[in-house]
């Protein structure tokens, strides 16, 4: 019995690792997007509700967070000449109010997703643009899809083991 559990665990580990490495390779080789941004999407899938519908909602919250980050960068550019170093205080306050308020929205209310998107945008060190959004959206979508595939594989192996 223990050998079967170990065998199933190894199947899951190897399968998920193949999916992760394939997604990483696609990120770099085919889409030319950062691997770390792909893993932001992967992480977002697991933030809540482990199914396709919730995974899509989680990804949408990440993309909302990326958009908030781009907006914050644009507002920073406008406010910095007026407020100097204090512009960061005003912008972070405003973005935090928005993100925390969105956490009460009826469907798109994944606070972790919003902040993952914000972090992803600022970690990218890209100027605010549609291109920056597109790159991060593609990478995160690839990661979320790979996470869904990995989770589905895990469930299939576990289901087969139970029978």
Protein backbone atom coordinates (compact mmCIF):
# COMPACT_ATOMS: atom_id res chain seq x y z
CA UNK A 1 0.00 0.00 0.00
CA UNK A 2 2.81 2.42 0.89
CA UNK A 3 4.56 1.64 -2.40
CA UNK A 4 1.41 2.58 -4.34
CA UNK A 5 1.19 5.89 -2.48
CA UNK A 6 4.85 6.58 -3.18
CA UNK A 7 4.40 5.60 -6.82
CA UNK A 8 1.39 7.91 -7.18
CA UNK A 9 3.30 10.72 -5.49
CA UNK A 10 6.22 10.26 -7.87
CA UNK A 11 3.84 10.29 -10.86
CA UNK A 12 2.38 13.58 -9.63
CA UNK A 13 5.78 15.13 -8.93
CA UNK A 14 7.21 14.11 -12.29
CA UNK A 15 4.06 15.09 -14.19
CA UNK A 16 3.83 18.50 -12.55
CA UNK A 17 7.54 19.06 -13.07
CA UNK A 18 7.20 18.25 -16.78
CA UNK A 19 4.30 20.72 -17.02
CA UNK A 20 6.24 23.43 -15.17
CA UNK A 21 9.38 22.97 -17.25
CA UNK A 22 7.32 22.94 -20.46
CA UNK A 23 5.60 26.18 -19.47
CA UNK A 24 8.96 27.75 -18.59
CA UNK A 25 10.41 26.67 -21.93
CA UNK A 26 7.39 28.04 -23.82
CA UNK A 27 7.70 31.30 -21.90
CA UNK A 28 11.29 31.84 -22.92
CA UNK A 29 11.58 30.14 -26.29
CA UNK A 30 8.20 30.67 -27.95
CA UNK A 31 6.68 33.73 -26.29
CA UNK A 32 9.78 35.53 -25.02
CA UNK A 33 8.16 36.44 -21.72
CA UNK A 34 9.85 36.20 -18.32
CA UNK A 35 9.62 32.84 -16.59
CA UNK A 36 9.13 34.48 -13.20
CA UNK A 37 6.00 36.20 -14.58
CA UNK A 38 4.70 32.82 -15.78
CA UNK A 39 5.03 31.58 -12.21
CA UNK A 40 2.97 34.55 -10.99
CA UNK A 41 0.12 33.08 -13.03
CA UNK A 42 0.87 29.60 -11.68
CA UNK A 43 0.71 30.89 -8.11
CA UNK A 44 -2.50 32.80 -8.82
CA UNK A 45 -4.30 29.60 -9.79
CA UNK A 46 -3.72 28.17 -6.32
CA UNK A 47 -4.78 31.27 -4.35
CA UNK A 48 -8.35 29.98 -4.03
CA UNK A 49 -11.02 27.77 -5.57
CA UNK A 50 -9.10 25.03 -7.34
CA UNK A 51 -11.13 24.71 -10.53
CA UNK A 52 -11.15 26.24 -13.99
CA UNK A 53 -13.74 28.93 -13.23
CA UNK A 54 -11.94 30.14 -10.10
CA UNK A 55 -8.60 29.90 -11.90
CA UNK A 56 -9.88 32.27 -14.59
CA UNK A 57 -11.21 34.66 -11.93
CA UNK A 58 -7.88 34.49 -10.07
CA UNK A 59 -6.01 35.26 -13.29
CA UNK A 60 -8.37 38.17 -14.02
CA UNK A 61 -7.58 39.58 -10.57
CA UNK A 62 -3.86 39.36 -11.35
CA UNK A 63 -4.46 41.25 -14.60
CA UNK A 64 -6.47 43.87 -12.72
CA UNK A 65 -3.47 44.18 -10.38
CA UNK A 66 -1.12 44.64 -13.34
CA UNK A 67 -3.43 47.37 -14.68
CA UNK A 68 -3.46 49.02 -11.25
CA UNK A 69 0.35 48.93 -11.25
CA UNK A 70 0.51 50.54 -14.68
CA UNK A 71 -1.95 53.21 -13.56
CA UNK A 72 0.06 53.78 -10.39
CA UNK A 73 3.25 54.26 -12.41
CA UNK A 74 1.51 56.81 -14.62
CA UNK A 75 0.14 58.70 -11.61
CA UNK A 76 3.61 58.62 -10.02
CA UNK A 77 5.03 60.30 -13.11
CA UNK A 78 2.45 63.07 -12.84
CA UNK A 79 2.69 63.57 -9.07
CA UNK A 80 6.46 63.32 -8.58
CA UNK A 81 7.17 66.82 -9.96
CA UNK A 82 4.52 68.19 -7.59
CA UNK A 83 5.10 66.12 -4.46
CA UNK A 84 8.66 64.85 -4.87
CA UNK A 85 9.38 61.77 -2.79
CA UNK A 86 5.98 62.03 -1.12
CA UNK A 87 4.25 61.02 -4.36
CA UNK A 88 4.88 57.39 -3.42
CA UNK A 89 2.82 57.85 -0.25
CA UNK A 90 -0.16 59.24 -2.14
CA UNK A 91 0.01 56.63 -4.89
CA UNK A 92 0.45 53.63 -2.60
CA UNK A 93 -2.41 54.90 -0.41
CA UNK A 94 -4.72 55.28 -3.41
CA UNK A 95 -3.81 51.92 -4.97
CA UNK A 96 -4.21 50.16 -1.63
CA UNK A 97 -7.64 51.74 -1.13
CA UNK A 98 -8.65 50.57 -4.61
CA UNK A 99 -7.32 47.02 -4.14
CA UNK A 100 -8.85 46.62 -0.70
CA UNK A 101 -12.16 47.97 -1.98
CA UNK A 102 -12.10 45.57 -4.93
CA UNK A 103 -11.72 42.73 -2.42
CA UNK A 104 -15.42 43.30 -1.67
CA UNK A 105 -16.48 43.09 -5.33
CA UNK A 106 -19.00 40.33 -6.12
CA UNK A 107 -16.81 38.10 -8.36
CA UNK A 108 -13.40 39.61 -9.03
CA UNK A 109 -12.43 39.92 -5.39
CA UNK A 110 -9.16 38.02 -4.97
CA UNK A 111 -6.98 40.37 -2.94
CA UNK A 112 -3.93 38.11 -3.32
CA UNK A 113 -4.42 38.19 -7.08
CA UNK A 114 -4.54 42.00 -7.13
CA UNK A 115 -1.30 42.24 -5.18
CA UNK A 116 0.39 39.52 -7.26
CA UNK A 117 -0.41 41.64 -10.33
CA UNK A 118 0.90 44.81 -8.70
CA UNK A 119 4.11 43.06 -7.67
CA UNK A 120 4.49 41.55 -11.14
CA UNK A 121 4.20 44.93 -12.82
CA UNK A 122 6.69 46.66 -10.53
CA UNK A 123 9.08 43.68 -10.65
CA UNK A 124 9.08 43.89 -14.44
CA UNK A 125 10.74 47.33 -14.36
CA UNK A 126 8.86 48.19 -17.56
CA UNK A 127 7.50 51.63 -18.33
CA UNK A 128 3.71 51.81 -18.14
CA UNK A 129 2.38 50.66 -21.50
CA UNK A 130 0.00 48.34 -23.29
CA UNK A 131 3.05 46.28 -24.29
CA UNK A 132 4.06 45.78 -20.64
CA UNK A 133 0.51 44.71 -19.83
CA UNK A 134 0.48 42.31 -22.78
CA UNK A 135 3.76 40.66 -21.85
CA UNK A 136 2.71 40.14 -18.24
CA UNK A 137 -0.79 39.01 -19.25
CA UNK A 138 0.61 36.42 -21.66
CA UNK A 139 3.10 35.13 -19.11
CA UNK A 140 0.53 34.94 -16.29
CA UNK A 141 -2.03 33.27 -18.55
CA UNK A 142 0.49 30.64 -19.57
CA UNK A 143 1.32 30.03 -15.91
CA UNK A 144 -2.31 29.78 -14.83
CA UNK A 145 -3.06 27.35 -17.67
CA UNK A 146 -0.05 25.23 -16.72
CA UNK A 147 -1.12 25.24 -13.07
CA UNK A 148 -4.60 24.10 -14.08
CA UNK A 149 -3.06 21.31 -16.16
CA UNK A 150 -0.82 20.26 -13.26
CA UNK A 151 -3.72 20.30 -10.82
CA UNK A 152 -5.89 18.31 -13.23
CA UNK A 153 -3.14 15.72 -13.64
CA UNK A 154 -2.82 15.42 -9.87
CA UNK A 155 -6.57 14.89 -9.47
CA UNK A 156 -6.62 12.28 -12.26
CA UNK A 157 -3.78 10.29 -10.68
CA UNK A 158 -5.44 10.48 -7.26
CA UNK A 159 -8.81 9.44 -8.73
CA UNK A 160 -7.22 6.45 -10.50
CA UNK A 161 -5.45 5.45 -7.28
CA UNK A 162 -8.74 5.45 -5.40
CA UNK A 163 -10.30 2.99 -7.86
